C-alpha atoms as a PDB file:
ATOM      1  CA  MET A   1     -56.374 -17.685 -40.573  1.00  0.00           C
ATOM      2  CA  MET A   2     -54.595 -19.945 -38.073  1.00  0.00           C
ATOM      3  CA  MET A   3     -51.610 -17.561 -38.019  1.00  0.00           C
ATOM      4  CA  PHE A   4     -53.961 -14.676 -37.147  1.00  0.00           C
ATOM      5  CA  PHE A   5     -55.346 -16.491 -34.086  1.00  0.00           C
ATOM      6  CA  VAL A   6     -51.840 -17.480 -32.965  1.00  0.00           C
ATOM      7  CA  LEU A   7     -50.658 -13.856 -33.178  1.00  0.00           C
ATOM      8  CA  LEU A   8     -53.832 -12.662 -31.419  1.00  0.00           C
ATOM      9  CA  PHE A   9     -53.233 -15.194 -28.648  1.00  0.00           C
ATOM     10  CA  PHE A  10     -49.639 -14.010 -28.192  1.00  0.00           C
ATOM     11  CA  LEU A  11     -50.788 -10.370 -28.122  1.00  0.00           C
ATOM     12  CA  ILE A  12     -53.547 -10.934 -25.566  1.00  0.00           C
ATOM     13  CA  HIS A  13     -51.240 -13.112 -23.488  1.00  0.00           C
ATOM     14  CA  ALA A  14     -48.493 -10.446 -23.539  1.00  0.00           C
ATOM     15  CA  VAL A  15     -50.966  -7.739 -22.466  1.00  0.00           C
ATOM     16  CA  ILE A  16     -52.240  -9.891 -19.607  1.00  0.00           C
ATOM     17  CA  VAL A  17     -48.680 -10.712 -18.482  1.00  0.00           C
ATOM     18  CA  PHE A  18     -47.735  -7.018 -18.633  1.00  0.00           C
ATOM     19  CA  LEU A  19     -50.766  -5.920 -16.569  1.00  0.00           C
ATOM     20  CA  VAL A  20     -50.341  -8.694 -13.988  1.00  0.00           C
ATOM     21  CA  THR A  21     -46.606  -7.946 -13.671  1.00  0.00           C
ATOM     22  CA  LYS A  22     -47.341  -4.248 -13.220  1.00  0.00           C
ATOM     23  CA  LEU A  23     -49.944  -4.990 -10.566  1.00  0.00           C
ATOM     24  CA  ILE A  24     -47.677  -7.377  -8.649  1.00  0.00           C
ATOM     25  CA  THR A  25     -44.478  -5.319  -8.725  1.00  0.00           C
ATOM     26  CA  VAL A  26     -46.190  -2.144  -7.476  1.00  0.00           C
ATOM     27  CA  ARG A  27     -46.869  -3.848  -4.137  1.00  0.00           C
ATOM     28  CA  MET A  28     -43.551  -5.675  -3.879  1.00  0.00           C
ATOM     29  CA  ASP A  29     -40.294  -4.843  -2.164  1.00  0.00           C
ATOM     30  CA  PRO A  30     -38.060  -3.149  -4.784  1.00  0.00           C
ATOM     31  CA  ALA A  31     -35.305  -5.665  -4.022  1.00  0.00           C
ATOM     32  CA  GLN A  32     -37.545  -8.534  -5.244  1.00  0.00           C
ATOM     33  CA  ARG A  33     -38.957  -6.948  -8.405  1.00  0.00           C
ATOM     34  CA  GLY A  34     -36.090  -8.123 -10.591  1.00  0.00           C
ATOM     35  CA  LEU A  35     -37.106 -11.809 -10.364  1.00  0.00           C
ATOM     36  CA  VAL A  36     -40.733 -11.065 -11.310  1.00  0.00           C
ATOM     37  CA  LYS A  37     -39.680  -8.954 -14.293  1.00  0.00           C
ATOM     38  CA  TRP A  38     -37.301 -11.690 -15.420  1.00  0.00           C
ATOM     39  CA  ILE A  39     -40.116 -14.294 -15.231  1.00  0.00           C
ATOM     40  CA  ALA A  40     -42.456 -11.951 -17.128  1.00  0.00           C
ATOM     41  CA  LEU A  41     -39.885 -11.546 -19.892  1.00  0.00           C
ATOM     42  CA  ILE A  42     -39.775 -15.330 -20.340  1.00  0.00           C
ATOM     43  CA  CYS A  43     -43.574 -15.521 -20.335  1.00  0.00           C
ATOM     44  CA  TYR A  44     -43.799 -13.037 -23.189  1.00  0.00           C
ATOM     45  CA  PHE A  45     -41.994 -15.433 -25.489  1.00  0.00           C
ATOM     46  CA  VAL A  46     -42.984 -18.825 -24.009  1.00  0.00           C
ATOM     47  CA  PRO A  47     -46.691 -18.727 -23.063  1.00  0.00           C
ATOM     48  CA  LEU A  48     -47.949 -21.276 -20.511  1.00  0.00           C
ATOM     49  CA  LEU A  49     -44.546 -22.976 -20.185  1.00  0.00           C
ATOM     50  CA  GLY A  50     -43.156 -19.610 -19.181  1.00  0.00           C
ATOM     51  CA  GLU A  51     -45.698 -19.312 -16.354  1.00  0.00           C
ATOM     52  CA  LEU A  52     -44.888 -22.831 -15.148  1.00  0.00           C
ATOM     53  CA  PHE A  53     -41.139 -22.160 -15.315  1.00  0.00           C
ATOM     54  CA  GLY A  54     -41.671 -18.852 -13.522  1.00  0.00           C
ATOM     55  CA  LEU A  55     -43.632 -20.496 -10.707  1.00  0.00           C
ATOM     56  CA  VAL A  56     -40.872 -23.075 -10.166  1.00  0.00           C
ATOM     57  CA  SER A  57     -38.228 -20.317 -10.223  1.00  0.00           C
ATOM     58  CA  TRP A  58     -40.205 -18.284  -7.725  1.00  0.00           C
ATOM     59  CA  LEU A  59     -40.534 -21.198  -5.307  1.00  0.00           C
ATOM     60  CA  ILE A  60     -36.832 -22.031  -5.560  1.00  0.00           C
ATOM     61  CA  ALA A  61     -35.889 -18.386  -5.021  1.00  0.00           C
ATOM     62  CA  ARG A  62     -38.045 -18.127  -1.914  1.00  0.00           C
ATOM     63  CA  ARG A  63     -36.602 -21.363  -0.563  1.00  0.00           C
ATOM     64  CA  TYR A  64     -32.895 -20.812  -1.181  1.00  0.00           C
ATOM     65  CA  ALA A  65     -32.243 -17.189  -2.109  1.00  0.00           C
ATOM     66  CA  SER A  66     -30.059 -15.089   0.185  1.00  0.00           C
ATOM     67  CA  ASP A  67     -28.762 -11.551   0.147  1.00  0.00           C
ATOM     68  CA  LYS A  68     -25.606 -12.558   2.012  1.00  0.00           C
ATOM     69  CA  THR A  69     -23.457 -12.310  -1.115  1.00  0.00           C
ATOM     70  CA  LEU A  70     -24.734  -8.802  -1.805  1.00  0.00           C
ATOM     71  CA  LEU A  71     -24.096  -7.798   1.787  1.00  0.00           C
ATOM     72  CA  ASP A  72     -20.568  -9.187   1.570  1.00  0.00           C
ATOM     73  CA  TYR A  73     -20.044  -7.221  -1.614  1.00  0.00           C
ATOM     74  CA  ASP A  74     -21.302  -4.051   0.075  1.00  0.00           C
ATOM     75  CA  ASP A  75     -18.746  -4.609   2.834  1.00  0.00           C
ATOM     76  CA  TYR A  76     -16.067  -5.120   0.212  1.00  0.00           C
ATOM     77  CA  ILE A  77     -16.752  -1.957  -1.789  1.00  0.00           C
ATOM     78  CA  GLU A  78     -16.962   0.063   1.423  1.00  0.00           C
ATOM     79  CA  PHE A  79     -13.509  -1.135   2.549  1.00  0.00           C
ATOM     80  CA  ASP A  80     -11.523   1.847   3.777  1.00  0.00           C
ATOM     81  CA  VAL A  81      -8.233   1.861   1.886  1.00  0.00           C
ATOM     82  CA  VAL A  82      -5.492   3.170   4.139  1.00  0.00           C
ATOM     83  CA  ASN A  83      -2.892   5.465   2.615  1.00  0.00           C
ATOM     84  CA  LEU A  84      -4.352   5.417  -0.901  1.00  0.00           C
ATOM     85  CA  GLU A  85      -1.908   8.090  -2.035  1.00  0.00           C
ATOM     86  CA  GLY A  86       0.994   5.939  -0.895  1.00  0.00           C
ATOM     87  CA  LEU A  87      -0.356   2.944  -2.792  1.00  0.00           C
ATOM     88  CA  GLN A  88      -0.845   5.043  -5.922  1.00  0.00           C
ATOM     89  CA  GLN A  89       2.714   6.331  -5.733  1.00  0.00           C
ATOM     90  CA  GLN A  90       4.093   2.843  -5.156  1.00  0.00           C
ATOM     91  CA  ALA A  91       2.108   1.539  -8.138  1.00  0.00           C
ATOM     92  CA  ALA A  92       3.365   4.382 -10.311  1.00  0.00           C
ATOM     93  CA  ASP A  93       6.947   3.709  -9.265  1.00  0.00           C
ATOM     94  CA  ASN A  94       6.722  -0.001 -10.031  1.00  0.00           C
ATOM     95  CA  ILE A  95       4.445  -0.028 -13.102  1.00  0.00           C
ATOM     96  CA  ASP A  96       7.301  -0.786 -15.509  1.00  0.00           C
ATOM     97  CA  LEU A  97       9.120  -3.275 -13.335  1.00  0.00           C
ATOM     98  CA  VAL A  98       8.891  -6.944 -14.159  1.00  0.00           C
ATOM     99  CA  PRO A  99       9.590  -9.003 -11.008  1.00  0.00           C
ATOM    100  CA  MET A 100      13.351  -9.305 -11.175  1.00  0.00           C
ATOM    101  CA  GLY A 101      13.364 -13.009 -10.407  1.00  0.00           C
ATOM    102  CA  GLU A 102      11.105 -13.619 -13.417  1.00  0.00           C
ATOM    103  CA  ALA A 103      12.994 -11.207 -15.653  1.00  0.00           C
ATOM    104  CA  MET A 104      16.216 -13.130 -15.055  1.00  0.00           C
ATOM    105  CA  ALA A 105      14.553 -16.203 -16.569  1.00  0.00           C
ATOM    106  CA  MET A 106      13.582 -14.328 -19.747  1.00  0.00           C
ATOM    107  CA  ASP A 107      15.641 -13.527 -22.807  1.00  0.00           C
ATOM    108  CA  ALA A 108      18.727 -11.305 -22.691  1.00  0.00           C
ATOM    109  CA  LYS A 109      16.891  -8.206 -23.917  1.00  0.00           C
ATOM    110  CA  GLU A 110      14.274  -8.384 -21.162  1.00  0.00           C
ATOM    111  CA  ARG A 111      16.947  -9.002 -18.537  1.00  0.00           C
ATOM    112  CA  LYS A 112      18.882  -5.919 -19.622  1.00  0.00           C
ATOM    113  CA  GLN A 113      15.765  -3.725 -19.752  1.00  0.00           C
ATOM    114  CA  SER A 114      14.695  -4.779 -16.263  1.00  0.00           C
ATOM    115  CA  ILE A 115      18.129  -4.026 -14.863  1.00  0.00           C
ATOM    116  CA  VAL A 116      18.445  -0.653 -16.604  1.00  0.00           C
ATOM    117  CA  ARG A 117      14.964   0.420 -15.396  1.00  0.00           C
ATOM    118  CA  LEU A 118      16.340   0.481 -11.878  1.00  0.00           C
ATOM    119  CA  THR A 119      18.289   3.621 -12.800  1.00  0.00           C
ATOM    120  CA  THR A 120      15.075   5.528 -13.551  1.00  0.00           C
ATOM    121  CA  THR A 121      12.782   4.073 -10.905  1.00  0.00           C
ATOM    122  CA  SER A 122      12.668   5.406  -7.349  1.00  0.00           C
ATOM    123  CA  ILE A 123      12.414   1.977  -5.783  1.00  0.00           C
ATOM    124  CA  ALA A 124      13.793   1.260  -2.338  1.00  0.00           C
ATOM    125  CA  ASP A 125      16.302  -1.529  -1.756  1.00  0.00           C
ATOM    126  CA  SER A 126      17.342  -1.559  -5.419  1.00  0.00           C
ATOM    127  CA  GLY A 127      20.555  -3.367  -4.453  1.00  0.00           C
ATOM    128  CA  LYS A 128      18.533  -6.456  -3.569  1.00  0.00           C
ATOM    129  CA  TYR A 129      17.057  -6.562  -7.067  1.00  0.00           C
ATOM    130  CA  LEU A 130      20.401  -5.947  -8.729  1.00  0.00           C
ATOM    131  CA  GLN A 131      21.796  -8.952  -6.894  1.00  0.00           C
ATOM    132  CA  PHE A 132      19.634 -11.181  -9.126  1.00  0.00           C
ATOM    133  CA  GLY A 133      21.604  -9.882 -12.099  1.00  0.00           C
ATOM    134  CA  LEU A 134      24.946 -10.119 -10.348  1.00  0.00           C
ATOM    135  CA  ASP A 135      24.279 -13.787  -9.535  1.00  0.00           C
ATOM    136  CA  HIS A 136      23.173 -14.662 -13.074  1.00  0.00           C
ATOM    137  CA  ALA A 137      25.068 -17.228 -15.131  1.00  0.00           C
ATOM    138  CA  ASP A 138      25.156 -14.981 -18.201  1.00  0.00           C
ATOM    139  CA  SER A 139      28.289 -12.809 -18.125  1.00  0.00           C
ATOM    140  CA  GLU A 140      26.655  -9.956 -20.055  1.00  0.00           C
ATOM    141  CA  THR A 141      23.795  -9.804 -17.560  1.00  0.00           C
ATOM    142  CA  VAL A 142      26.315  -9.683 -14.721  1.00  0.00           C
ATOM    143  CA  HIS A 143      28.107  -6.839 -16.529  1.00  0.00           C
ATOM    144  CA  TYR A 144      24.865  -4.853 -16.912  1.00  0.00           C
ATOM    145  CA  ALA A 145      23.970  -5.343 -13.248  1.00  0.00           C
ATOM    146  CA  ALA A 146      27.446  -4.288 -12.108  1.00  0.00           C
ATOM    147  CA  THR A 147      27.341  -1.210 -14.342  1.00  0.00           C
ATOM    148  CA  VAL A 148      23.928  -0.162 -13.041  1.00  0.00           C
ATOM    149  CA  ARG A 149      25.041  -0.778  -9.456  1.00  0.00           C
ATOM    150  CA  ASN A 150      28.091   1.465  -9.961  1.00  0.00           C
ATOM    151  CA  THR A 151      25.941   4.107 -11.645  1.00  0.00           C
ATOM    152  CA  LEU A 152      23.464   4.196  -8.772  1.00  0.00           C
ATOM    153  CA  TYR A 153      26.254   4.188  -6.230  1.00  0.00           C
ATOM    154  CA  ASP A 154      27.964   7.137  -7.932  1.00  0.00           C
ATOM    155  CA  ARG A 155      24.639   8.955  -8.144  1.00  0.00           C
ATOM    156  CA  TYR A 156      24.010   8.639  -4.406  1.00  0.00           C
ATOM    157  CA  GLU A 157      27.580   9.700  -3.657  1.00  0.00           C
ATOM    158  CA  ALA A 158      27.244  12.732  -5.939  1.00  0.00           C
ATOM    159  CA  THR A 159      23.984  13.740  -4.251  1.00  0.00           C
ATOM    160  CA  ILE A 160      25.562  13.531  -0.803  1.00  0.00           C
ATOM    161  CA  LYS A 161      28.598  15.502  -1.941  1.00  0.00           C
ATOM    162  CA  SER A 162      26.358  18.195  -3.394  1.00  0.00           C
ATOM    163  CA  ARG A 163      24.362  18.430  -0.158  1.00  0.00           C
ATOM    164  CA  GLU A 164      27.589  18.582   1.843  1.00  0.00           C
ATOM    165  CA  GLU A 165      28.761  21.545  -0.238  1.00  0.00           C
ATOM    166  CA  GLN A 166      25.426  23.290   0.283  1.00  0.00           C
ATOM    167  CA  LEU A 167      25.402  22.674   4.042  1.00  0.00           C
ATOM    168  CA  ASN A 168      25.044  25.825   6.110  1.00  0.00           C
ATOM    169  CA  PRO A 169      24.894  25.195   9.875  1.00  0.00           C
ATOM    170  CA  GLY A 170      22.886  28.390  10.263  1.00  0.00           C
ATOM    171  CA  HIS A 171      20.057  27.011   8.109  1.00  0.00           C
ATOM    172  CA  VAL A 172      18.512  23.828   9.460  1.00  0.00           C
ATOM    173  CA  THR A 173      16.894  22.936   6.128  1.00  0.00           C
ATOM    174  CA  THR A 174      20.328  22.252   4.641  1.00  0.00           C
ATOM    175  CA  TYR A 175      20.778  19.563   7.296  1.00  0.00           C
ATOM    176  CA  TYR A 176      17.397  18.121   6.342  1.00  0.00           C
ATOM    177  CA  HIS A 177      18.482  17.793   2.707  1.00  0.00           C
ATOM    178  CA  LEU A 178      21.682  16.081   3.767  1.00  0.00           C
ATOM    179  CA  ILE A 179      19.768  13.659   6.006  1.00  0.00           C
ATOM    180  CA  ASP A 180      17.479  12.733   3.106  1.00  0.00           C
ATOM    181  CA  ALA A 181      20.477  11.984   0.889  1.00  0.00           C
ATOM    182  CA  PHE A 182      22.231   9.784   3.466  1.00  0.00           C
ATOM    183  CA  GLU A 183      19.067   7.874   4.395  1.00  0.00           C
ATOM    184  CA  ALA A 184      18.230   7.218   0.740  1.00  0.00           C
ATOM    185  CA  PHE A 185      21.737   5.784   0.223  1.00  0.00           C
ATOM    186  CA  ILE A 186      21.482   3.595   3.316  1.00  0.00           C
ATOM    187  CA  GLU A 187      18.041   2.278   2.282  1.00  0.00           C
ATOM    188  CA  SER A 188      19.169   1.578  -1.289  1.00  0.00           C
ATOM    189  CA  GLY A 189      20.682  -1.777  -0.402  1.00  0.00           C
ATOM    190  CA  LEU A 190      23.796  -0.939  -2.399  1.00  0.00           C
ATOM    191  CA  LEU A 191      26.182  -0.837   0.549  1.00  0.00           C
ATOM    192  CA  ASP A 192      28.287  -3.781   1.615  1.00  0.00           C
ATOM    193  CA  ASP A 193      29.534  -4.009   5.206  1.00  0.00           C
ATOM    194  CA  SER A 194      32.647  -1.880   4.748  1.00  0.00           C
ATOM    195  CA  MET A 195      30.824   0.782   2.695  1.00  0.00           C
ATOM    196  CA  GLN A 196      27.998   0.818   5.193  1.00  0.00           C
ATOM    197  CA  LYS A 197      30.351   1.466   8.114  1.00  0.00           C
ATOM    198  CA  ARG A 198      31.986   4.320   6.238  1.00  0.00           C
ATOM    199  CA  ILE A 199      28.621   5.907   5.393  1.00  0.00           C
ATOM    200  CA  PHE A 200      27.351   5.374   8.950  1.00  0.00           C
ATOM    201  CA  ASP A 201      30.404   7.129  10.387  1.00  0.00           C
ATOM    202  CA  ARG A 202      30.193   9.957   7.898  1.00  0.00           C
ATOM    203  CA  PHE A 203      26.458  10.435   8.494  1.00  0.00           C
ATOM    204  CA  GLY A 204      26.874  10.176  12.260  1.00  0.00           C
ATOM    205  CA  SER A 205      29.482  12.933  12.228  1.00  0.00           C
ATOM    206  CA  TYR A 206      27.043  15.353  10.600  1.00  0.00           C
ATOM    207  CA  LEU A 207      24.283  14.356  13.002  1.00  0.00           C
ATOM    208  CA  GLN A 208      26.559  15.071  15.970  1.00  0.00           C
ATOM    209  CA  ASP A 209      27.244  18.546  14.587  1.00  0.00           C
ATOM    210  CA  MET A 210      23.520  19.077  14.027  1.00  0.00           C
ATOM    211  CA  ARG A 211      22.715  18.052  17.601  1.00  0.00           C
ATOM    212  CA  ILE A 212      25.060  20.761  18.861  1.00  0.00           C
ATOM    213  CA  GLN A 213      23.293  23.375  16.739  1.00  0.00           C
ATOM    214  CA  TYR A 214      19.747  22.016  17.126  1.00  0.00           C
ATOM    215  CA  PRO A 215      19.653  19.663  20.140  1.00  0.00           C
ATOM    216  CA  THR A 216      15.879  19.147  20.176  1.00  0.00           C
ATOM    217  CA  ASP A 217      15.172  19.209  16.441  1.00  0.00           C
ATOM    218  CA  ALA A 218      12.648  16.458  15.599  1.00  0.00           C
ATOM    219  CA  THR A 219      14.220  15.493  12.272  1.00  0.00           C
ATOM    220  CA  CYS A 220      17.637  15.224  13.907  1.00  0.00           C
ATOM    221  CA  LEU A 221      16.341  13.035  16.743  1.00  0.00           C
ATOM    222  CA  LYS A 222      14.549  10.750  14.269  1.00  0.00           C
ATOM    223  CA  ALA A 223      17.635  10.415  12.091  1.00  0.00           C
ATOM    224  CA  CYS A 224      19.847   9.704  15.112  1.00  0.00           C
ATOM    225  CA  GLY A 225      17.452   7.016  16.312  1.00  0.00           C
ATOM    226  CA  LYS A 226      17.246   5.323  12.914  1.00  0.00           C
ATOM    227  CA  LEU A 227      21.003   5.385  12.472  1.00  0.00           C
ATOM    228  CA  ALA A 228      21.624   3.961  15.932  1.00  0.00           C
ATOM    229  CA  LEU A 229      19.217   1.085  15.282  1.00  0.00           C
ATOM    230  CA  ALA A 230      20.781   0.446  11.862  1.00  0.00           C
ATOM    231  CA  LYS A 231      24.141   0.138  13.620  1.00  0.00           C
ATOM    232  CA  GLY A 232      22.653  -2.253  16.168  1.00  0.00           C
ATOM    233  CA  ASP A 233      22.656   0.204  19.099  1.00  0.00           C
ATOM    234  CA  VAL A 234      19.113  -0.590  20.259  1.00  0.00           C
ATOM    235  CA  ALA A 235      19.205   1.188  23.610  1.00  0.00           C
ATOM    236  CA  ASP A 236      20.680   4.310  22.009  1.00  0.00           C
ATOM    237  CA  GLY A 237      18.158   4.273  19.169  1.00  0.00           C
ATOM    238  CA  LEU A 238      15.124   3.876  21.426  1.00  0.00           C
ATOM    239  CA  GLY A 239      16.583   6.548  23.687  1.00  0.00           C
ATOM    240  CA  TYR A 240      16.384   9.051  20.821  1.00  0.00           C
ATOM    241  CA  TYR A 241      12.757   8.084  20.216  1.00  0.00           C
ATOM    242  CA  GLU A 242      12.022   8.617  23.928  1.00  0.00           C
ATOM    243  CA  ARG A 243      13.550  12.091  23.684  1.00  0.00           C
ATOM    244  CA  LEU A 244      11.437  12.751  20.617  1.00  0.00           C
ATOM    245  CA  ILE A 245       8.321  11.826  22.608  1.00  0.00           C
ATOM    246  CA  MET A 246       9.448  13.949  25.548  1.00  0.00           C
ATOM    247  CA  HIS A 247      10.058  17.079  23.451  1.00  0.00           C
ATOM    248  CA  TYR A 248       7.093  16.565  21.102  1.00  0.00           C
ATOM    249  CA  PRO A 249       4.421  14.674  23.082  1.00  0.00           C
ATOM    250  CA  GLU A 250       1.600  15.873  20.813  1.00  0.00           C
ATOM    251  CA  GLN A 251       3.282  14.577  17.634  1.00  0.00           C
ATOM    252  CA  ALA A 252       2.959  10.976  16.486  1.00  0.00           C
ATOM    253  CA  ASP A 253       6.488  10.435  15.129  1.00  0.00           C
ATOM    254  CA  GLY A 254       8.276   9.359  18.292  1.00  0.00           C
ATOM    255  CA  TYR A 255       5.524   6.978  19.368  1.00  0.00           C
ATOM    256  CA  MET A 256       5.160   5.447  15.906  1.00  0.00           C
ATOM    257  CA  LEU A 257       8.889   4.885  15.408  1.00  0.00           C
ATOM    258  CA  ALA A 258       9.099   3.069  18.738  1.00  0.00           C
ATOM    259  CA  ILE A 259       5.876   1.141  18.047  1.00  0.00           C
ATOM    260  CA  GLU A 260       7.127   0.032  14.632  1.00  0.00           C
ATOM    261  CA  TYR A 261      10.400  -1.183  16.126  1.00  0.00           C
ATOM    262  CA  HIS A 262       8.701  -3.288  18.827  1.00  0.00           C
ATOM    263  CA  PHE A 263       5.937  -4.411  16.437  1.00  0.00           C
ATOM    264  CA  THR A 264       8.374  -5.855  13.877  1.00  0.00           C
ATOM    265  CA  ARG A 265      10.047  -7.837  16.666  1.00  0.00           C
ATOM    266  CA  GLY A 266       6.837  -9.049  18.272  1.00  0.00           C
ATOM    267  CA  ASP A 267       7.633  -7.357  21.588  1.00  0.00           C
ATOM    268  CA  TRP A 268       3.994  -6.974  22.625  1.00  0.00           C
ATOM    269  CA  THR A 269       4.665  -6.013  26.254  1.00  0.00           C
ATOM    270  CA  LYS A 270       6.318  -2.766  25.105  1.00  0.00           C
ATOM    271  CA  LEU A 271       3.524  -1.870  22.685  1.00  0.00           C
ATOM    272  CA  ALA A 272       0.563  -1.378  25.021  1.00  0.00           C
ATOM    273  CA  PRO A 273       1.961   1.582  27.007  1.00  0.00           C
ATOM    274  CA  LEU A 274       3.174   3.271  23.812  1.00  0.00           C
ATOM    275  CA  VAL A 275      -0.226   2.952  22.143  1.00  0.00           C
ATOM    276  CA  THR A 276      -1.916   4.266  25.294  1.00  0.00           C
ATOM    277  CA  GLN A 277       0.446   7.249  25.416  1.00  0.00           C
ATOM    278  CA  LEU A 278      -0.122   8.007  21.769  1.00  0.00           C
ATOM    279  CA  LYS A 279      -3.911   7.907  22.090  1.00  0.00           C
ATOM    280  CA  THR A 280      -3.738  10.087  25.201  1.00  0.00           C
ATOM    281  CA  HIS A 281      -1.531  12.830  23.806  1.00  0.00           C
ATOM    282  CA  VAL A 282      -1.945  12.789  20.021  1.00  0.00           C
ATOM    283  CA  ALA A 283      -5.114  13.844  18.207  1.00  0.00           C
ATOM    284  CA  PRO A 284      -6.403  11.171  15.762  1.00  0.00           C
ATOM    285  CA  ASP A 285      -6.182  13.607  12.839  1.00  0.00           C
ATOM    286  CA  ASP A 286      -2.473  14.114  13.561  1.00  0.00           C
ATOM    287  CA  ILE A 287      -1.691  10.425  13.025  1.00  0.00           C
ATOM    288  CA  PRO A 288      -0.621   9.816   9.387  1.00  0.00           C
ATOM    289  CA  ASP A 289      -2.905   7.470   7.463  1.00  0.00           C
ATOM    290  CA  ASP A 290      -0.108   5.032   6.663  1.00  0.00           C
ATOM    291  CA  LYS A 291       0.742   4.792  10.368  1.00  0.00           C
ATOM    292  CA  ARG A 292      -2.881   4.508  11.470  1.00  0.00           C
ATOM    293  CA  TYR A 293      -3.052   1.157   9.686  1.00  0.00           C
ATOM    294  CA  ILE A 294      -0.566  -0.323  12.157  1.00  0.00           C
ATOM    295  CA  LEU A 295      -2.593   0.920  15.113  1.00  0.00           C
ATOM    296  CA  ASP A 296      -5.795  -0.496  13.607  1.00  0.00           C
ATOM    297  CA  ARG A 297      -4.154  -3.904  13.450  1.00  0.00           C
ATOM    298  CA  LEU A 298      -2.881  -3.601  17.011  1.00  0.00           C
ATOM    299  CA  GLU A 299      -6.154  -2.526  18.564  1.00  0.00           C
ATOM    300  CA  GLY A 300      -8.633  -4.108  16.192  1.00  0.00           C
ATOM    301  CA  VAL A 301     -10.453  -0.787  15.944  1.00  0.00           C
ATOM    302  CA  GLU A 302     -10.105   2.285  13.823  1.00  0.00           C
ATOM    303  CA  LEU A 303      -8.752   5.370  15.566  1.00  0.00           C
END
């Protein structure tokens, strides 16, 4: 008999809690209904003590609760990722790479695998990573690194030779392919000082020929500027960028190349006029997303 009254009490209590909760939440702000429903759930199973606990929870929530964390989270999830495609490609390129410094501290098998992966991964400045292997105390690791370095070097040389054989001065795209091959070799980090000078001279010779055929070509001017800066000819390199701006004022390339150069050296006095020129002559949609990030940091606003 006692069990019957206990169950009846729980049933009546649950119905009352349900009806009161329904009545209260209908008139409440939707953002605050969760706390009331949570208190009601406790009351279903812990009569009387549940109500007391709920009242204390309610008072504490009204005294200390804040939506600041939720607002911060909203700002976080709405963060505008710049150049998402570039990040995805970079992640795809590096997904199998263990940081080379860490790999060199692992066992021999992991060291070899990390070194060999550089032959199948389109990662820039691979020579820098290979240097970890070349400086290792283990002779076999040094051998693997040297072999991979020679393989990559031969591959770049073969690509350039192939593009040289395909070069047709009457078709500008064949120059573009050759430029890509030379720039990839230069950016690989595989060249020592003597090799670098030889490649610079060889590349520069083709660029001189291209300038005769296509004196205002944008790709040629960009390549000439980059090569001049790589050789340390700052005035010459920036001069090519100025010509690029002069011939193509509505394109972002010339401005951005000059901005990047001054930005990396902290030369702020040169940046302001370049940014002003770019905003005056170039439409926002014509500025690549990966370059727009730099301008956002410079101006503190999104273009």
